[in-house]
């Protein structure tokens, strides 16, 4: 047996031997699907759940609010806001169902979702003012009327100066 200086699981001072050399690779568990860890994006959610449907509704709503063609940074912010909204809705639904939920976590999640949504909407570019066609026609008519008035006024002053001479 070879000695190892590492204590044996909680017992200080007890020496143990290993069955495998220390540089043996760890055996990773076999995972089905992409991964079994926590969802990090909207597309990691199970598409059959309410959380996914809620998150996708938020994504569609915010995408539409930004004009329908967000930049990659805006798209990432939209997905993050959607995930936060799904988490907040899930915690609220659990609390309403009578399950044990930390109220502080639920409130923080709701506030984080609200702040994320506000931040995404703040990225919205300022709208370009477009003149309405009816207003353009009216302004042209008003300009023509003003020219006619000034022409009449000029003709009257010219006529008045001729009469005075």
C-alpha atoms as a PDB file:
ATOM      1  CA  UNK A   1       0.000   0.000   0.000  1.00  0.00           C
ATOM      2  CA  UNK A   2       1.173   3.487  -0.804  1.00  0.00           C
ATOM      3  CA  UNK A   3       0.646   6.318   1.590  1.00  0.00           C
ATOM      4  CA  UNK A   4      -1.179   9.466   0.626  1.00  0.00           C
ATOM      5  CA  UNK A   5      -1.096  12.648   2.700  1.00  0.00           C
ATOM      6  CA  UNK A   6      -4.758  13.462   2.054  1.00  0.00           C
ATOM      7  CA  UNK A   7      -7.086  12.806   5.024  1.00  0.00           C
ATOM      8  CA  UNK A   8      -9.832  10.252   4.516  1.00  0.00           C
ATOM      9  CA  UNK A   9     -13.280  11.856   4.124  1.00  0.00           C
ATOM     10  CA  UNK A  10     -13.670  13.848   7.291  1.00  0.00           C
ATOM     11  CA  UNK A  11     -11.351  11.852   9.517  1.00  0.00           C
ATOM     12  CA  UNK A  12      -8.331  14.002  10.184  1.00  0.00           C
ATOM     13  CA  UNK A  13      -5.070  12.199  10.652  1.00  0.00           C
ATOM     14  CA  UNK A  14      -6.163   8.932   9.025  1.00  0.00           C
ATOM     15  CA  UNK A  15      -4.191   8.012   5.946  1.00  0.00           C
ATOM     16  CA  UNK A  16      -5.657   6.022   3.095  1.00  0.00           C
ATOM     17  CA  UNK A  17      -4.647   4.576  -0.197  1.00  0.00           C
ATOM     18  CA  UNK A  18      -6.314   5.172  -3.520  1.00  0.00           C
ATOM     19  CA  UNK A  19      -7.365   2.407  -5.842  1.00  0.00           C
ATOM     20  CA  UNK A  20      -6.520   4.464  -8.917  1.00  0.00           C
ATOM     21  CA  UNK A  21      -3.595   6.733  -9.624  1.00  0.00           C
ATOM     22  CA  UNK A  22      -4.274  10.444  -8.890  1.00  0.00           C
ATOM     23  CA  UNK A  23      -4.003  11.443 -12.557  1.00  0.00           C
ATOM     24  CA  UNK A  24      -6.815   9.130 -13.697  1.00  0.00           C
ATOM     25  CA  UNK A  25      -9.528  11.070 -15.537  1.00  0.00           C
ATOM     26  CA  UNK A  26     -12.872  11.546 -13.828  1.00  0.00           C
ATOM     27  CA  UNK A  27     -15.761   9.698 -15.384  1.00  0.00           C
ATOM     28  CA  UNK A  28     -18.442  12.184 -16.401  1.00  0.00           C
ATOM     29  CA  UNK A  29     -22.091  11.155 -16.180  1.00  0.00           C
ATOM     30  CA  UNK A  30     -23.845  10.524 -19.470  1.00  0.00           C
ATOM     31  CA  UNK A  31     -26.249  13.338 -20.270  1.00  0.00           C
ATOM     32  CA  UNK A  32     -29.155  13.099 -22.639  1.00  0.00           C
ATOM     33  CA  UNK A  33     -30.102  16.148 -24.605  1.00  0.00           C
ATOM     34  CA  UNK A  34     -28.074  19.327 -24.542  1.00  0.00           C
ATOM     35  CA  UNK A  35     -27.525  19.485 -20.809  1.00  0.00           C
ATOM     36  CA  UNK A  36     -29.316  18.973 -17.554  1.00  0.00           C
ATOM     37  CA  UNK A  37     -28.062  22.131 -15.815  1.00  0.00           C
ATOM     38  CA  UNK A  38     -30.051  25.280 -15.157  1.00  0.00           C
ATOM     39  CA  UNK A  39     -31.612  27.043 -18.104  1.00  0.00           C
ATOM     40  CA  UNK A  40     -29.456  29.970 -19.202  1.00  0.00           C
ATOM     41  CA  UNK A  41     -31.534  31.178 -22.119  1.00  0.00           C
ATOM     42  CA  UNK A  42     -35.065  31.130 -23.431  1.00  0.00           C
ATOM     43  CA  UNK A  43     -34.307  28.288 -25.805  1.00  0.00           C
ATOM     44  CA  UNK A  44     -33.035  26.095 -22.939  1.00  0.00           C
ATOM     45  CA  UNK A  45     -36.535  25.929 -21.464  1.00  0.00           C
ATOM     46  CA  UNK A  46     -38.830  22.992 -22.134  1.00  0.00           C
ATOM     47  CA  UNK A  47     -41.035  24.147 -24.992  1.00  0.00           C
ATOM     48  CA  UNK A  48     -44.112  22.470 -23.501  1.00  0.00           C
ATOM     49  CA  UNK A  49     -44.184  24.587 -20.348  1.00  0.00           C
ATOM     50  CA  UNK A  50     -45.956  27.802 -19.461  1.00  0.00           C
ATOM     51  CA  UNK A  51     -42.608  29.369 -18.632  1.00  0.00           C
ATOM     52  CA  UNK A  52     -41.408  28.901 -22.205  1.00  0.00           C
ATOM     53  CA  UNK A  53     -44.638  30.294 -23.647  1.00  0.00           C
ATOM     54  CA  UNK A  54     -44.476  33.301 -21.307  1.00  0.00           C
ATOM     55  CA  UNK A  55     -40.819  33.924 -22.128  1.00  0.00           C
ATOM     56  CA  UNK A  56     -41.487  33.727 -25.864  1.00  0.00           C
ATOM     57  CA  UNK A  57     -44.426  36.122 -25.484  1.00  0.00           C
ATOM     58  CA  UNK A  58     -42.124  38.609 -23.752  1.00  0.00           C
ATOM     59  CA  UNK A  59     -39.498  38.130 -26.492  1.00  0.00           C
ATOM     60  CA  UNK A  60     -42.104  38.793 -29.199  1.00  0.00           C
ATOM     61  CA  UNK A  61     -43.490  41.818 -27.362  1.00  0.00           C
ATOM     62  CA  UNK A  62     -40.110  43.442 -26.776  1.00  0.00           C
ATOM     63  CA  UNK A  63     -38.907  42.648 -30.299  1.00  0.00           C
ATOM     64  CA  UNK A  64     -42.008  44.345 -31.681  1.00  0.00           C
ATOM     65  CA  UNK A  65     -41.473  47.319 -29.356  1.00  0.00           C
ATOM     66  CA  UNK A  66     -37.924  47.747 -30.705  1.00  0.00           C
ATOM     67  CA  UNK A  67     -39.121  47.814 -34.284  1.00  0.00           C
ATOM     68  CA  UNK A  68     -38.930  44.135 -35.189  1.00  0.00           C
ATOM     69  CA  UNK A  69     -35.228  43.874 -36.034  1.00  0.00           C
ATOM     70  CA  UNK A  70     -33.091  44.058 -32.873  1.00  0.00           C
ATOM     71  CA  UNK A  71     -29.309  44.073 -32.874  1.00  0.00           C
ATOM     72  CA  UNK A  72     -27.499  41.070 -31.314  1.00  0.00           C
ATOM     73  CA  UNK A  73     -26.958  43.012 -28.081  1.00  0.00           C
ATOM     74  CA  UNK A  74     -30.625  43.986 -27.959  1.00  0.00           C
ATOM     75  CA  UNK A  75     -31.635  40.389 -28.682  1.00  0.00           C
ATOM     76  CA  UNK A  76     -29.521  39.142 -25.781  1.00  0.00           C
ATOM     77  CA  UNK A  77     -31.035  41.765 -23.470  1.00  0.00           C
ATOM     78  CA  UNK A  78     -34.523  40.781 -24.652  1.00  0.00           C
ATOM     79  CA  UNK A  79     -33.879  37.112 -23.880  1.00  0.00           C
ATOM     80  CA  UNK A  80     -32.519  37.981 -20.455  1.00  0.00           C
ATOM     81  CA  UNK A  81     -35.582  40.102 -19.684  1.00  0.00           C
ATOM     82  CA  UNK A  82     -37.795  37.243 -20.867  1.00  0.00           C
ATOM     83  CA  UNK A  83     -36.031  34.745 -18.599  1.00  0.00           C
ATOM     84  CA  UNK A  84     -36.369  37.079 -15.622  1.00  0.00           C
ATOM     85  CA  UNK A  85     -40.069  37.547 -16.390  1.00  0.00           C
ATOM     86  CA  UNK A  86     -40.558  33.771 -16.607  1.00  0.00           C
ATOM     87  CA  UNK A  87     -38.778  33.253 -13.275  1.00  0.00           C
ATOM     88  CA  UNK A  88     -40.827  35.987 -11.595  1.00  0.00           C
ATOM     89  CA  UNK A  89     -44.078  34.564 -12.984  1.00  0.00           C
ATOM     90  CA  UNK A  90     -43.125  31.065 -11.839  1.00  0.00           C
ATOM     91  CA  UNK A  91     -42.399  32.229  -8.297  1.00  0.00           C
ATOM     92  CA  UNK A  92     -45.628  34.216  -8.183  1.00  0.00           C
ATOM     93  CA  UNK A  93     -47.638  31.260  -9.462  1.00  0.00           C
ATOM     94  CA  UNK A  94     -46.088  28.976  -6.849  1.00  0.00           C
ATOM     95  CA  UNK A  95     -46.917  31.466  -4.094  1.00  0.00           C
ATOM     96  CA  UNK A  96     -50.508  31.749  -5.299  1.00  0.00           C
ATOM     97  CA  UNK A  97     -50.789  27.960  -5.429  1.00  0.00           C
ATOM     98  CA  UNK A  98     -49.924  27.823  -1.746  1.00  0.00           C
ATOM     99  CA  UNK A  99     -46.441  26.406  -2.136  1.00  0.00           C
ATOM    100  CA  UNK A 100     -43.651  27.576   0.115  1.00  0.00           C
ATOM    101  CA  UNK A 101     -41.892  30.434  -1.678  1.00  0.00           C
ATOM    102  CA  UNK A 102     -39.517  32.975  -0.234  1.00  0.00           C
ATOM    103  CA  UNK A 103     -41.436  36.233  -0.651  1.00  0.00           C
ATOM    104  CA  UNK A 104     -38.204  38.210  -0.779  1.00  0.00           C
ATOM    105  CA  UNK A 105     -36.990  36.154  -3.756  1.00  0.00           C
ATOM    106  CA  UNK A 106     -40.311  36.562  -5.537  1.00  0.00           C
ATOM    107  CA  UNK A 107     -40.272  40.327  -5.067  1.00  0.00           C
ATOM    108  CA  UNK A 108     -36.648  40.599  -6.147  1.00  0.00           C
ATOM    109  CA  UNK A 109     -37.327  38.516  -9.246  1.00  0.00           C
ATOM    110  CA  UNK A 110     -40.314  40.683 -10.161  1.00  0.00           C
ATOM    111  CA  UNK A 111     -38.321  43.876  -9.676  1.00  0.00           C
ATOM    112  CA  UNK A 112     -35.402  42.505 -11.691  1.00  0.00           C
ATOM    113  CA  UNK A 113     -37.772  41.567 -14.526  1.00  0.00           C
ATOM    114  CA  UNK A 114     -39.336  45.031 -14.458  1.00  0.00           C
ATOM    115  CA  UNK A 115     -35.931  46.748 -14.521  1.00  0.00           C
ATOM    116  CA  UNK A 116     -34.712  44.513 -17.354  1.00  0.00           C
ATOM    117  CA  UNK A 117     -37.814  45.291 -19.418  1.00  0.00           C
ATOM    118  CA  UNK A 118     -37.353  49.014 -18.790  1.00  0.00           C
ATOM    119  CA  UNK A 119     -33.676  48.774 -19.814  1.00  0.00           C
ATOM    120  CA  UNK A 120     -34.584  46.995 -23.053  1.00  0.00           C
ATOM    121  CA  UNK A 121     -37.216  49.590 -23.889  1.00  0.00           C
ATOM    122  CA  UNK A 122     -34.682  52.350 -23.179  1.00  0.00           C
ATOM    123  CA  UNK A 123     -32.579  50.926 -26.051  1.00  0.00           C
ATOM    124  CA  UNK A 124     -35.350  51.801 -28.486  1.00  0.00           C
ATOM    125  CA  UNK A 125     -34.078  54.269 -31.077  1.00  0.00           C
ATOM    126  CA  UNK A 126     -35.801  57.618 -31.344  1.00  0.00           C
ATOM    127  CA  UNK A 127     -38.460  57.578 -34.049  1.00  0.00           C
ATOM    128  CA  UNK A 128     -37.741  59.549 -37.198  1.00  0.00           C
ATOM    129  CA  UNK A 129     -40.404  62.167 -37.656  1.00  0.00           C
ATOM    130  CA  UNK A 130     -42.175  61.742 -40.958  1.00  0.00           C
ATOM    131  CA  UNK A 131     -44.422  64.396 -42.330  1.00  0.00           C
ATOM    132  CA  UNK A 132     -47.916  63.204 -42.997  1.00  0.00           C
ATOM    133  CA  UNK A 133     -49.080  63.572 -46.610  1.00  0.00           C
ATOM    134  CA  UNK A 134     -52.142  65.631 -45.695  1.00  0.00           C
ATOM    135  CA  UNK A 135     -50.036  68.042 -43.682  1.00  0.00           C
ATOM    136  CA  UNK A 136     -47.629  68.501 -46.610  1.00  0.00           C
ATOM    137  CA  UNK A 137     -50.559  69.374 -48.898  1.00  0.00           C
ATOM    138  CA  UNK A 138     -51.970  71.803 -46.328  1.00  0.00           C
ATOM    139  CA  UNK A 139     -48.589  73.506 -45.854  1.00  0.00           C
ATOM    140  CA  UNK A 140     -48.224  73.936 -49.625  1.00  0.00           C
ATOM    141  CA  UNK A 141     -51.715  75.473 -49.756  1.00  0.00           C
ATOM    142  CA  UNK A 142     -50.901  77.804 -46.849  1.00  0.00           C
ATOM    143  CA  UNK A 143     -47.661  78.886 -48.529  1.00  0.00           C
ATOM    144  CA  UNK A 144     -49.560  79.646 -51.753  1.00  0.00           C
ATOM    145  CA  UNK A 145     -52.170  81.650 -49.831  1.00  0.00           C
ATOM    146  CA  UNK A 146     -49.385  83.609 -48.092  1.00  0.00           C
ATOM    147  CA  UNK A 147     -47.748  84.385 -51.459  1.00  0.00           C
ATOM    148  CA  UNK A 148     -51.085  85.601 -52.815  1.00  0.00           C
ATOM    149  CA  UNK A 149     -51.607  87.808 -49.734  1.00  0.00           C
ATOM    150  CA  UNK A 150     -48.155  89.334 -50.015  1.00  0.00           C
ATOM    151  CA  UNK A 151     -48.638  89.885 -53.761  1.00  0.00           C
ATOM    152  CA  UNK A 152     -51.992  91.612 -53.079  1.00  0.00           C
ATOM    153  CA  UNK A 153     -50.451  93.722 -50.334  1.00  0.00           C
ATOM    154  CA  UNK A 154     -47.552  94.684 -52.608  1.00  0.00           C
ATOM    155  CA  UNK A 155     -49.984  95.572 -55.419  1.00  0.00           C
ATOM    156  CA  UNK A 156     -52.087  97.691 -53.036  1.00  0.00           C
ATOM    157  CA  UNK A 157     -49.045  99.585 -51.756  1.00  0.00           C
ATOM    158  CA  UNK A 158     -47.861 100.149 -55.336  1.00  0.00           C
ATOM    159  CA  UNK A 159     -51.329 101.389 -56.288  1.00  0.00           C
ATOM    160  CA  UNK A 160     -51.414 103.639 -53.229  1.00  0.00           C
ATOM    161  CA  UNK A 161     -48.040 105.177 -54.097  1.00  0.00           C
ATOM    162  CA  UNK A 162     -49.173 105.841 -57.706  1.00  0.00           C
ATOM    163  CA  UNK A 163     -52.356 107.531 -56.486  1.00  0.00           C
ATOM    164  CA  UNK A 164     -50.330 109.718 -54.118  1.00  0.00           C
ATOM    165  CA  UNK A 165     -48.103 110.978 -56.919  1.00  0.00           C
END
